[in-house]
């Protein structure tokens, strides 16, 4: 019985480390998909650290405000995660040429 309890605890900790970031990523991505001005979203995740790179074609105050509102909600919902957000304006550049190695594309509009 002690053996089962021990492994249940271990699995619970592992699940938190790996599932919580994935839930946060999916939550944020689904909300950002609703903002049509967003050209692309990339993410880097390692343990309890998540870094989002969001790309707009050009400066758009209204769209940027929506992104930051969703980011605030994300921080409130997942206070134990280290979540970083960077917002870029492309002005005709290709986001693939700007994203560091190791980042995963979540979505990109053409």
PDB file of N, CA and C in Angstrom:
ATOM      1  N   UNK A   1       0.830  -1.195   0.000  1.00  0.00           N
ATOM      2  CA  UNK A   1       0.000   0.000   0.000  1.00  0.00           C
ATOM      3  C   UNK A   1       0.878   1.263   0.000  1.00  0.00           C
ATOM      4  N   UNK A   2       1.947   1.246   0.758  1.00  0.00           N
ATOM      5  CA  UNK A   2       2.881   2.372   0.785  1.00  0.00           C
ATOM      6  C   UNK A   2       3.516   2.566  -0.593  1.00  0.00           C
ATOM      7  N   UNK A   3       3.804   1.464  -1.258  1.00  0.00           N
ATOM      8  CA  UNK A   3       4.385   1.472  -2.598  1.00  0.00           C
ATOM      9  C   UNK A   3       3.457   2.193  -3.577  1.00  0.00           C
ATOM     10  N   UNK A   4       2.185   1.870  -3.568  1.00  0.00           N
ATOM     11  CA  UNK A   4       1.201   2.514  -4.453  1.00  0.00           C
ATOM     12  C   UNK A   4       1.083   4.001  -4.145  1.00  0.00           C
ATOM     13  N   UNK A   5       1.041   4.329  -2.875  1.00  0.00           N
ATOM     14  CA  UNK A   5       0.934   5.724  -2.471  1.00  0.00           C
ATOM     15  C   UNK A   5       2.142   6.530  -2.968  1.00  0.00           C
ATOM     16  N   UNK A   6       3.322   5.961  -2.832  1.00  0.00           N
ATOM     17  CA  UNK A   6       4.546   6.618  -3.279  1.00  0.00           C
ATOM     18  C   UNK A   6       4.499   6.904  -4.780  1.00  0.00           C
ATOM     19  N   UNK A   7       4.153   5.898  -5.575  1.00  0.00           N
ATOM     20  CA  UNK A   7       4.125   6.084  -7.021  1.00  0.00           C
ATOM     21  C   UNK A   7       2.981   6.999  -7.461  1.00  0.00           C
ATOM     22  N   UNK A   8       1.896   7.001  -6.768  1.00  0.00           N
ATOM     23  CA  UNK A   8       0.808   7.932  -7.073  1.00  0.00           C
ATOM     24  C   UNK A   8       1.286   9.366  -6.858  1.00  0.00           C
ATOM     25  N   UNK A   9       2.052   9.586  -5.796  1.00  0.00           N
ATOM     26  CA  UNK A   9       2.606  10.915  -5.524  1.00  0.00           C
ATOM     27  C   UNK A   9       3.597  11.327  -6.610  1.00  0.00           C
ATOM     28  N   UNK A  10       4.465  10.409  -6.985  1.00  0.00           N
ATOM     29  CA  UNK A  10       5.458  10.694  -8.026  1.00  0.00           C
ATOM     30  C   UNK A  10       4.754  11.027  -9.339  1.00  0.00           C
ATOM     31  N   UNK A  11       3.777  10.231  -9.728  1.00  0.00           N
ATOM     32  CA  UNK A  11       3.054  10.479 -10.975  1.00  0.00           C
ATOM     33  C   UNK A  11       2.298  11.799 -10.932  1.00  0.00           C
ATOM     34  N   UNK A  12       1.767  12.142  -9.796  1.00  0.00           N
ATOM     35  CA  UNK A  12       1.066  13.409  -9.648  1.00  0.00           C
ATOM     36  C   UNK A  12       2.017  14.578  -9.885  1.00  0.00           C
ATOM     37  N   UNK A  13       3.220  14.497  -9.332  1.00  0.00           N
ATOM     38  CA  UNK A  13       4.215  15.566  -9.509  1.00  0.00           C
ATOM     39  C   UNK A  13       4.659  15.655 -10.966  1.00  0.00           C
ATOM     40  N   UNK A  14       4.898  14.521 -11.597  1.00  0.00           N
ATOM     41  CA  UNK A  14       5.321  14.489 -12.998  1.00  0.00           C
ATOM     42  C   UNK A  14       4.220  15.074 -13.879  1.00  0.00           C
ATOM     43  N   UNK A  15       2.996  14.699 -13.612  1.00  0.00           N
ATOM     44  CA  UNK A  15       1.876  15.199 -14.395  1.00  0.00           C
ATOM     45  C   UNK A  15       1.771  16.724 -14.286  1.00  0.00           C
ATOM     46  N   UNK A  16       1.963  17.254 -13.099  1.00  0.00           N
ATOM     47  CA  UNK A  16       1.903  18.706 -12.910  1.00  0.00           C
ATOM     48  C   UNK A  16       2.986  19.398 -13.726  1.00  0.00           C
ATOM     49  N   UNK A  17       4.179  18.858 -13.697  1.00  0.00           N
ATOM     50  CA  UNK A  17       5.300  19.480 -14.404  1.00  0.00           C
ATOM     51  C   UNK A  17       5.069  19.478 -15.907  1.00  0.00           C
ATOM     52  N   UNK A  18       4.540  18.377 -16.439  1.00  0.00           N
ATOM     53  CA  UNK A  18       4.409  18.271 -17.885  1.00  0.00           C
ATOM     54  C   UNK A  18       3.041  18.661 -18.419  1.00  0.00           C
ATOM     55  N   UNK A  19       1.986  18.501 -17.658  1.00  0.00           N
ATOM     56  CA  UNK A  19       0.655  18.797 -18.156  1.00  0.00           C
ATOM     57  C   UNK A  19       0.273  20.263 -17.969  1.00  0.00           C
ATOM     58  N   UNK A  20       0.646  20.875 -16.877  1.00  0.00           N
ATOM     59  CA  UNK A  20       0.254  22.255 -16.629  1.00  0.00           C
ATOM     60  C   UNK A  20       0.760  23.198 -17.727  1.00  0.00           C
ATOM     61  N   UNK A  21       2.024  23.110 -18.142  1.00  0.00           N
ATOM     62  CA  UNK A  21       2.454  23.983 -19.244  1.00  0.00           C
ATOM     63  C   UNK A  21       1.656  23.732 -20.533  1.00  0.00           C
ATOM     64  N   UNK A  22       1.362  22.489 -20.837  1.00  0.00           N
ATOM     65  CA  UNK A  22       0.617  22.175 -22.063  1.00  0.00           C
ATOM     66  C   UNK A  22      -0.789  22.769 -21.991  1.00  0.00           C
ATOM     67  N   UNK A  23      -1.423  22.697 -20.855  1.00  0.00           N
ATOM     68  CA  UNK A  23      -2.759  23.280 -20.689  1.00  0.00           C
ATOM     69  C   UNK A  23      -2.681  24.794 -20.866  1.00  0.00           C
ATOM     70  N   UNK A  24      -1.667  25.424 -20.286  1.00  0.00           N
ATOM     71  CA  UNK A  24      -1.499  26.873 -20.417  1.00  0.00           C
ATOM     72  C   UNK A  24      -1.257  27.270 -21.873  1.00  0.00           C
ATOM     73  N   UNK A  25      -0.432  26.518 -22.559  1.00  0.00           N
ATOM     74  CA  UNK A  25      -0.137  26.794 -23.971  1.00  0.00           C
ATOM     75  C   UNK A  25      -1.415  26.687 -24.803  1.00  0.00           C
ATOM     76  N   UNK A  26      -2.161  25.626 -24.605  1.00  0.00           N
ATOM     77  CA  UNK A  26      -3.404  25.445 -25.364  1.00  0.00           C
ATOM     78  C   UNK A  26      -4.411  26.547 -25.060  1.00  0.00           C
ATOM     79  N   UNK A  27      -4.537  26.917 -23.795  1.00  0.00           N
ATOM     80  CA  UNK A  27      -5.450  27.983 -23.395  1.00  0.00           C
ATOM     81  C   UNK A  27      -5.097  29.281 -24.113  1.00  0.00           C
ATOM     82  N   UNK A  28      -3.826  29.670 -24.052  1.00  0.00           N
ATOM     83  CA  UNK A  28      -3.395  30.924 -24.653  1.00  0.00           C
ATOM     84  C   UNK A  28      -3.551  30.882 -26.177  1.00  0.00           C
ATOM     85  N   UNK A  29      -3.158  29.781 -26.786  1.00  0.00           N
ATOM     86  CA  UNK A  29      -3.249  29.655 -28.246  1.00  0.00           C
ATOM     87  C   UNK A  29      -4.689  29.778 -28.731  1.00  0.00           C
ATOM     88  N   UNK A  30      -5.601  29.134 -28.049  1.00  0.00           N
ATOM     89  CA  UNK A  30      -7.007  29.195 -28.474  1.00  0.00           C
ATOM     90  C   UNK A  30      -7.556  30.610 -28.377  1.00  0.00           C
ATOM     91  N   UNK A  31      -7.147  31.354 -27.375  1.00  0.00           N
ATOM     92  CA  UNK A  31      -7.601  32.741 -27.252  1.00  0.00           C
ATOM     93  C   UNK A  31      -6.951  33.638 -28.304  1.00  0.00           C
ATOM     94  N   UNK A  32      -5.676  33.392 -28.602  1.00  0.00           N
ATOM     95  CA  UNK A  32      -5.002  34.232 -29.591  1.00  0.00           C
ATOM     96  C   UNK A  32      -5.474  33.936 -31.009  1.00  0.00           C
ATOM     97  N   UNK A  33      -5.913  32.722 -31.275  1.00  0.00           N
ATOM     98  CA  UNK A  33      -6.460  32.403 -32.610  1.00  0.00           C
ATOM     99  C   UNK A  33      -7.659  33.289 -32.948  1.00  0.00           C
ATOM    100  N   UNK A  34      -8.344  33.777 -31.935  1.00  0.00           N
ATOM    101  CA  UNK A  34      -9.533  34.608 -32.138  1.00  0.00           C
ATOM    102  C   UNK A  34      -9.180  36.056 -32.503  1.00  0.00           C
ATOM    103  N   UNK A  35      -7.918  36.408 -32.447  1.00  0.00           N
ATOM    104  CA  UNK A  35      -7.471  37.761 -32.792  1.00  0.00           C
ATOM    105  C   UNK A  35      -6.905  37.686 -34.212  1.00  0.00           C
ATOM    106  N   UNK A  36      -7.667  38.136 -35.213  1.00  0.00           N
ATOM    107  CA  UNK A  36      -7.272  37.931 -36.617  1.00  0.00           C
ATOM    108  C   UNK A  36      -5.986  38.642 -37.034  1.00  0.00           C
ATOM    109  N   UNK A  37      -5.577  39.678 -36.313  1.00  0.00           N
ATOM    110  CA  UNK A  37      -4.366  40.411 -36.686  1.00  0.00           C
ATOM    111  C   UNK A  37      -3.089  39.643 -36.351  1.00  0.00           C
ATOM    112  N   UNK A  38      -3.201  38.595 -35.531  1.00  0.00           N
ATOM    113  CA  UNK A  38      -2.013  37.812 -35.177  1.00  0.00           C
ATOM    114  C   UNK A  38      -1.638  36.929 -36.359  1.00  0.00           C
ATOM    115  N   UNK A  39      -0.411  37.094 -36.811  1.00  0.00           N
ATOM    116  CA  UNK A  39       0.096  36.354 -37.960  1.00  0.00           C
ATOM    117  C   UNK A  39       0.596  34.977 -37.537  1.00  0.00           C
ATOM    118  N   UNK A  40       1.289  34.917 -36.387  1.00  0.00           N
ATOM    119  CA  UNK A  40       1.874  33.643 -35.959  1.00  0.00           C
ATOM    120  C   UNK A  40       2.090  33.641 -34.445  1.00  0.00           C
ATOM    121  N   UNK A  41       2.102  32.430 -33.901  1.00  0.00           N
ATOM    122  CA  UNK A  41       2.388  32.207 -32.484  1.00  0.00           C
ATOM    123  C   UNK A  41       3.366  31.052 -32.370  1.00  0.00           C
ATOM    124  N   UNK A  42       4.451  31.291 -31.640  1.00  0.00           N
ATOM    125  CA  UNK A  42       5.461  30.270 -31.378  1.00  0.00           C
ATOM    126  C   UNK A  42       5.632  30.144 -29.871  1.00  0.00           C
ATOM    127  N   UNK A  43       6.068  28.955 -29.430  1.00  0.00           N
ATOM    128  CA  UNK A  43       6.245  28.735 -27.998  1.00  0.00           C
ATOM    129  C   UNK A  43       7.487  27.889 -27.743  1.00  0.00           C
ATOM    130  N   UNK A  44       8.118  28.184 -26.624  1.00  0.00           N
ATOM    131  CA  UNK A  44       9.215  27.368 -26.113  1.00  0.00           C
ATOM    132  C   UNK A  44       8.802  26.940 -24.713  1.00  0.00           C
ATOM    133  N   UNK A  45       8.907  25.649 -24.436  1.00  0.00           N
ATOM    134  CA  UNK A  45       8.521  25.126 -23.121  1.00  0.00           C
ATOM    135  C   UNK A  45       9.595  24.198 -22.607  1.00  0.00           C
ATOM    136  N   UNK A  46      10.057  24.481 -21.381  1.00  0.00           N
ATOM    137  CA  UNK A  46      10.985  23.592 -20.699  1.00  0.00           C
ATOM    138  C   UNK A  46      10.587  23.551 -19.237  1.00  0.00           C
ATOM    139  N   UNK A  47      10.164  22.386 -18.777  1.00  0.00           N
ATOM    140  CA  UNK A  47       9.671  22.180 -17.413  1.00  0.00           C
ATOM    141  C   UNK A  47       8.554  23.170 -17.102  1.00  0.00           C
ATOM    142  N   UNK A  48       8.742  24.062 -16.128  1.00  0.00           N
ATOM    143  CA  UNK A  48       7.669  24.992 -15.761  1.00  0.00           C
ATOM    144  C   UNK A  48       7.906  26.393 -16.317  1.00  0.00           C
ATOM    145  N   UNK A  49       8.684  26.494 -17.407  1.00  0.00           N
ATOM    146  CA  UNK A  49       8.932  27.757 -18.081  1.00  0.00           C
ATOM    147  C   UNK A  49       8.318  27.709 -19.475  1.00  0.00           C
ATOM    148  N   UNK A  50       7.546  28.744 -19.797  1.00  0.00           N
ATOM    149  CA  UNK A  50       6.906  28.843 -21.110  1.00  0.00           C
ATOM    150  C   UNK A  50       7.195  30.229 -21.663  1.00  0.00           C
ATOM    151  N   UNK A  51       7.668  30.287 -22.905  1.00  0.00           N
ATOM    152  CA  UNK A  51       7.946  31.557 -23.558  1.00  0.00           C
ATOM    153  C   UNK A  51       7.150  31.628 -24.853  1.00  0.00           C
ATOM    154  N   UNK A  52       6.319  32.651 -24.983  1.00  0.00           N
ATOM    155  CA  UNK A  52       5.510  32.863 -26.177  1.00  0.00           C
ATOM    156  C   UNK A  52       6.100  33.989 -27.015  1.00  0.00           C
ATOM    157  N   UNK A  53       6.163  33.774 -28.322  1.00  0.00           N
ATOM    158  CA  UNK A  53       6.502  34.828 -29.272  1.00  0.00           C
ATOM    159  C   UNK A  53       5.289  35.010 -30.167  1.00  0.00           C
ATOM    160  N   UNK A  54       4.734  36.215 -30.152  1.00  0.00           N
ATOM    161  CA  UNK A  54       3.532  36.554 -30.907  1.00  0.00           C
ATOM    162  C   UNK A  54       3.924  37.553 -31.995  1.00  0.00           C
ATOM    163  N   UNK A  55       3.428  37.318 -33.207  1.00  0.00           N
ATOM    164  CA  UNK A  55       3.781  38.173 -34.335  1.00  0.00           C
ATOM    165  C   UNK A  55       2.550  38.832 -34.943  1.00  0.00           C
ATOM    166  N   UNK A  56       2.643  40.144 -35.099  1.00  0.00           N
ATOM    167  CA  UNK A  56       1.650  40.932 -35.832  1.00  0.00           C
ATOM    168  C   UNK A  56       2.349  41.458 -37.087  1.00  0.00           C
ATOM    169  N   UNK A  57       1.585  41.734 -38.130  1.00  0.00           N
ATOM    170  CA  UNK A  57       2.201  42.278 -39.339  1.00  0.00           C
ATOM    171  C   UNK A  57       2.731  43.692 -39.101  1.00  0.00           C
ATOM    172  N   UNK A  58       1.953  44.516 -38.406  1.00  0.00           N
ATOM    173  CA  UNK A  58       2.358  45.894 -38.145  1.00  0.00           C
ATOM    174  C   UNK A  58       1.783  46.329 -36.802  1.00  0.00           C
ATOM    175  N   UNK A  59       2.108  47.524 -36.397  1.00  0.00           N
ATOM    176  CA  UNK A  59       1.595  48.049 -35.137  1.00  0.00           C
ATOM    177  C   UNK A  59       0.066  48.107 -35.185  1.00  0.00           C
ATOM    178  N   UNK A  60      -0.549  47.578 -34.133  1.00  0.00           N
ATOM    179  CA  UNK A  60      -2.010  47.565 -34.038  1.00  0.00           C
ATOM    180  C   UNK A  60      -2.358  47.605 -32.554  1.00  0.00           C
ATOM    181  N   UNK A  61      -2.602  48.799 -32.058  1.00  0.00           N
ATOM    182  CA  UNK A  61      -2.820  48.989 -30.624  1.00  0.00           C
ATOM    183  C   UNK A  61      -3.942  48.108 -30.096  1.00  0.00           C
ATOM    184  N   UNK A  62      -5.042  48.030 -30.811  1.00  0.00           N
ATOM    185  CA  UNK A  62      -6.197  47.250 -30.346  1.00  0.00           C
ATOM    186  C   UNK A  62      -5.848  45.762 -30.222  1.00  0.00           C
ATOM    187  N   UNK A  63      -5.182  45.211 -31.230  1.00  0.00           N
ATOM    188  CA  UNK A  63      -4.789  43.798 -31.186  1.00  0.00           C
ATOM    189  C   UNK A  63      -3.776  43.549 -30.070  1.00  0.00           C
ATOM    190  N   UNK A  64      -2.833  44.456 -29.914  1.00  0.00           N
ATOM    191  CA  UNK A  64      -1.818  44.301 -28.868  1.00  0.00           C
ATOM    192  C   UNK A  64      -2.455  44.336 -27.486  1.00  0.00           C
ATOM    193  N   UNK A  65      -3.428  45.219 -27.309  1.00  0.00           N
ATOM    194  CA  UNK A  65      -4.133  45.296 -26.038  1.00  0.00           C
ATOM    195  C   UNK A  65      -4.852  43.975 -25.730  1.00  0.00           C
ATOM    196  N   UNK A  66      -5.458  43.360 -26.743  1.00  0.00           N
ATOM    197  CA  UNK A  66      -6.128  42.067 -26.557  1.00  0.00           C
ATOM    198  C   UNK A  66      -5.133  40.981 -26.165  1.00  0.00           C
ATOM    199  N   UNK A  67      -3.963  40.996 -26.803  1.00  0.00           N
ATOM    200  CA  UNK A  67      -2.930  40.004 -26.472  1.00  0.00           C
ATOM    201  C   UNK A  67      -2.527  40.151 -25.010  1.00  0.00           C
ATOM    202  N   UNK A  68      -2.289  41.376 -24.573  1.00  0.00           N
ATOM    203  CA  UNK A  68      -1.856  41.597 -23.192  1.00  0.00           C
ATOM    204  C   UNK A  68      -2.964  41.286 -22.181  1.00  0.00           C
ATOM    205  N   UNK A  69      -4.209  41.488 -22.564  1.00  0.00           N
ATOM    206  CA  UNK A  69      -5.326  41.093 -21.693  1.00  0.00           C
ATOM    207  C   UNK A  69      -5.342  39.579 -21.507  1.00  0.00           C
ATOM    208  N   UNK A  70      -5.185  38.836 -22.607  1.00  0.00           N
ATOM    209  CA  UNK A  70      -5.147  37.370 -22.521  1.00  0.00           C
ATOM    210  C   UNK A  70      -3.939  36.912 -21.719  1.00  0.00           C
ATOM    211  N   UNK A  71      -2.819  37.610 -21.884  1.00  0.00           N
ATOM    212  CA  UNK A  71      -1.609  37.278 -21.135  1.00  0.00           C
ATOM    213  C   UNK A  71      -1.843  37.463 -19.630  1.00  0.00           C
ATOM    214  N   UNK A  72      -2.504  38.528 -19.249  1.00  0.00           N
ATOM    215  CA  UNK A  72      -2.832  38.756 -17.846  1.00  0.00           C
ATOM    216  C   UNK A  72      -3.702  37.643 -17.284  1.00  0.00           C
ATOM    217  N   UNK A  73      -4.679  37.204 -18.071  1.00  0.00           N
ATOM    218  CA  UNK A  73      -5.534  36.088 -17.646  1.00  0.00           C
ATOM    219  C   UNK A  73      -4.707  34.826 -17.465  1.00  0.00           C
ATOM    220  N   UNK A  74      -3.780  34.599 -18.396  1.00  0.00           N
ATOM    221  CA  UNK A  74      -2.923  33.415 -18.333  1.00  0.00           C
ATOM    222  C   UNK A  74      -2.084  33.423 -17.054  1.00  0.00           C
ATOM    223  N   UNK A  75      -1.508  34.565 -16.728  1.00  0.00           N
ATOM    224  CA  UNK A  75      -0.708  34.676 -15.504  1.00  0.00           C
ATOM    225  C   UNK A  75      -1.551  34.424 -14.261  1.00  0.00           C
ATOM    226  N   UNK A  76      -2.786  34.913 -14.266  1.00  0.00           N
ATOM    227  CA  UNK A  76      -3.682  34.692 -13.127  1.00  0.00           C
ATOM    228  C   UNK A  76      -4.065  33.223 -12.980  1.00  0.00           C
ATOM    229  N   UNK A  77      -4.291  32.548 -14.109  1.00  0.00           N
ATOM    230  CA  UNK A  77      -4.728  31.149 -14.077  1.00  0.00           C
ATOM    231  C   UNK A  77      -3.603  30.165 -13.757  1.00  0.00           C
ATOM    232  N   UNK A  78      -2.370  30.530 -14.108  1.00  0.00           N
ATOM    233  CA  UNK A  78      -1.235  29.619 -13.920  1.00  0.00           C
ATOM    234  C   UNK A  78      -0.110  30.330 -13.157  1.00  0.00           C
ATOM    235  N   UNK A  79      -0.352  30.662 -11.881  1.00  0.00           N
ATOM    236  CA  UNK A  79       0.628  31.451 -11.124  1.00  0.00           C
ATOM    237  C   UNK A  79       1.933  30.723 -10.823  1.00  0.00           C
ATOM    238  N   UNK A  80       1.962  29.410 -10.923  1.00  0.00           N
ATOM    239  CA  UNK A  80       3.186  28.674 -10.609  1.00  0.00           C
ATOM    240  C   UNK A  80       4.112  28.537 -11.813  1.00  0.00           C
ATOM    241  N   UNK A  81       3.627  28.886 -12.994  1.00  0.00           N
ATOM    242  CA  UNK A  81       4.464  28.805 -14.190  1.00  0.00           C
ATOM    243  C   UNK A  81       5.232  30.103 -14.397  1.00  0.00           C
ATOM    244  N   UNK A  82       6.413  29.985 -14.953  1.00  0.00           N
ATOM    245  CA  UNK A  82       7.202  31.139 -15.367  1.00  0.00           C
ATOM    246  C   UNK A  82       6.849  31.376 -16.836  1.00  0.00           C
ATOM    247  N   UNK A  83       6.021  32.393 -17.102  1.00  0.00           N
ATOM    248  CA  UNK A  83       5.502  32.624 -18.448  1.00  0.00           C
ATOM    249  C   UNK A  83       6.013  33.960 -18.965  1.00  0.00           C
ATOM    250  N   UNK A  84       6.637  33.912 -20.137  1.00  0.00           N
ATOM    251  CA  UNK A  84       7.199  35.096 -20.772  1.00  0.00           C
ATOM    252  C   UNK A  84       6.442  35.355 -22.072  1.00  0.00           C
ATOM    253  N   UNK A  85       6.262  36.621 -22.410  1.00  0.00           N
ATOM    254  CA  UNK A  85       5.582  37.001 -23.649  1.00  0.00           C
ATOM    255  C   UNK A  85       6.402  38.044 -24.375  1.00  0.00           C
ATOM    256  N   UNK A  86       6.599  37.804 -25.657  1.00  0.00           N
ATOM    257  CA  UNK A  86       7.247  38.802 -26.517  1.00  0.00           C
ATOM    258  C   UNK A  86       6.346  39.025 -27.710  1.00  0.00           C
ATOM    259  N   UNK A  87       6.139  40.290 -28.044  1.00  0.00           N
ATOM    260  CA  UNK A  87       5.282  40.650 -29.153  1.00  0.00           C
ATOM    261  C   UNK A  87       6.129  41.381 -30.194  1.00  0.00           C
ATOM    262  N   UNK A  88       6.050  40.921 -31.448  1.00  0.00           N
ATOM    263  CA  UNK A  88       6.862  41.484 -32.524  1.00  0.00           C
ATOM    264  C   UNK A  88       5.979  41.961 -33.666  1.00  0.00           C
ATOM    265  N   UNK A  89       6.449  42.974 -34.365  1.00  0.00           N
ATOM    266  CA  UNK A  89       5.799  43.464 -35.581  1.00  0.00           C
ATOM    267  C   UNK A  89       6.688  43.077 -36.753  1.00  0.00           C
ATOM    268  N   UNK A  90       6.115  42.428 -37.742  1.00  0.00           N
ATOM    269  CA  UNK A  90       6.894  41.863 -38.834  1.00  0.00           C
ATOM    270  C   UNK A  90       7.274  42.881 -39.920  1.00  0.00           C
ATOM    271  N   UNK A  91       6.359  43.734 -40.295  1.00  0.00           N
ATOM    272  CA  UNK A  91       6.599  44.684 -41.388  1.00  0.00           C
ATOM    273  C   UNK A  91       7.192  43.981 -42.602  1.00  0.00           C
ATOM    274  N   UNK A  92       6.553  42.873 -43.003  1.00  0.00           N
ATOM    275  CA  UNK A  92       6.961  42.143 -44.199  1.00  0.00           C
ATOM    276  C   UNK A  92       7.999  41.057 -43.980  1.00  0.00           C
ATOM    277  N   UNK A  93       8.569  40.974 -42.796  1.00  0.00           N
ATOM    278  CA  UNK A  93       9.577  39.936 -42.541  1.00  0.00           C
ATOM    279  C   UNK A  93       8.898  38.598 -42.284  1.00  0.00           C
ATOM    280  N   UNK A  94       9.649  37.538 -42.402  1.00  0.00           N
ATOM    281  CA  UNK A  94       9.156  36.185 -42.162  1.00  0.00           C
ATOM    282  C   UNK A  94       9.461  35.795 -40.713  1.00  0.00           C
ATOM    283  N   UNK A  95       8.433  35.414 -39.931  1.00  0.00           N
ATOM    284  CA  UNK A  95       8.707  35.048 -38.528  1.00  0.00           C
ATOM    285  C   UNK A  95       9.644  33.855 -38.398  1.00  0.00           C
ATOM    286  N   UNK A  96       9.652  32.970 -39.391  1.00  0.00           N
ATOM    287  CA  UNK A  96      10.539  31.796 -39.325  1.00  0.00           C
ATOM    288  C   UNK A  96      12.006  32.213 -39.227  1.00  0.00           C
ATOM    289  N   UNK A  97      12.333  33.365 -39.786  1.00  0.00           N
ATOM    290  CA  UNK A  97      13.717  33.854 -39.755  1.00  0.00           C
ATOM    291  C   UNK A  97      14.053  34.572 -38.452  1.00  0.00           C
ATOM    292  N   UNK A  98      13.059  34.796 -37.614  1.00  0.00           N
ATOM    293  CA  UNK A  98      13.266  35.543 -36.382  1.00  0.00           C
ATOM    294  C   UNK A  98      13.229  34.664 -35.135  1.00  0.00           C
ATOM    295  N   UNK A  99      12.579  33.529 -35.234  1.00  0.00           N
ATOM    296  CA  UNK A  99      12.357  32.667 -34.070  1.00  0.00           C
ATOM    297  C   UNK A  99      13.616  31.861 -33.746  1.00  0.00           C
ATOM    298  N   UNK A 100      14.042  31.857 -32.491  1.00  0.00           N
ATOM    299  CA  UNK A 100      15.211  31.054 -32.114  1.00  0.00           C
ATOM    300  C   UNK A 100      14.957  29.555 -32.265  1.00  0.00           C
ATOM    301  N   UNK A 101      16.022  28.832 -32.402  1.00  0.00           N
ATOM    302  CA  UNK A 101      15.937  27.383 -32.479  1.00  0.00           C
ATOM    303  C   UNK A 101      15.314  26.850 -31.196  1.00  0.00           C
ATOM    304  N   UNK A 102      14.467  25.848 -31.328  1.00  0.00           N
ATOM    305  CA  UNK A 102      13.833  25.231 -30.173  1.00  0.00           C
ATOM    306  C   UNK A 102      12.403  25.690 -29.957  1.00  0.00           C
ATOM    307  N   UNK A 103      11.992  26.763 -30.620  1.00  0.00           N
ATOM    308  CA  UNK A 103      10.612  27.228 -30.513  1.00  0.00           C
ATOM    309  C   UNK A 103       9.727  26.423 -31.460  1.00  0.00           C
ATOM    310  N   UNK A 104       8.540  26.144 -31.009  1.00  0.00           N
ATOM    311  CA  UNK A 104       7.574  25.351 -31.780  1.00  0.00           C
ATOM    312  C   UNK A 104       6.489  26.282 -32.327  1.00  0.00           C
ATOM    313  N   UNK A 105       6.173  26.123 -33.596  1.00  0.00           N
ATOM    314  CA  UNK A 105       5.090  26.919 -34.179  1.00  0.00           C
ATOM    315  C   UNK A 105       3.754  26.340 -33.721  1.00  0.00           C
ATOM    316  N   UNK A 106       2.918  27.188 -33.136  1.00  0.00           N
ATOM    317  CA  UNK A 106       1.585  26.782 -32.709  1.00  0.00           C
ATOM    318  C   UNK A 106       0.595  27.034 -33.830  1.00  0.00           C
ATOM    319  N   UNK A 107       0.677  28.208 -34.432  1.00  0.00           N
ATOM    320  CA  UNK A 107      -0.100  28.476 -35.647  1.00  0.00           C
ATOM    321  C   UNK A 107       0.548  29.611 -36.413  1.00  0.00           C
ATOM    322  N   UNK A 108       0.226  29.648 -37.713  1.00  0.00           N
ATOM    323  CA  UNK A 108       0.670  30.715 -38.597  1.00  0.00           C
ATOM    324  C   UNK A 108      -0.368  30.916 -39.672  1.00  0.00           C
ATOM    325  N   UNK A 109      -0.749  32.152 -39.872  1.00  0.00           N
ATOM    326  CA  UNK A 109      -1.710  32.491 -40.920  1.00  0.00           C
ATOM    327  C   UNK A 109      -0.939  32.980 -42.140  1.00  0.00           C
ATOM    328  N   UNK A 110      -1.450  32.659 -43.305  1.00  0.00           N
ATOM    329  CA  UNK A 110      -0.805  33.133 -44.539  1.00  0.00           C
ATOM    330  C   UNK A 110      -1.589  34.247 -45.160  1.00  0.00           C
TER     331      UNK A 110
END
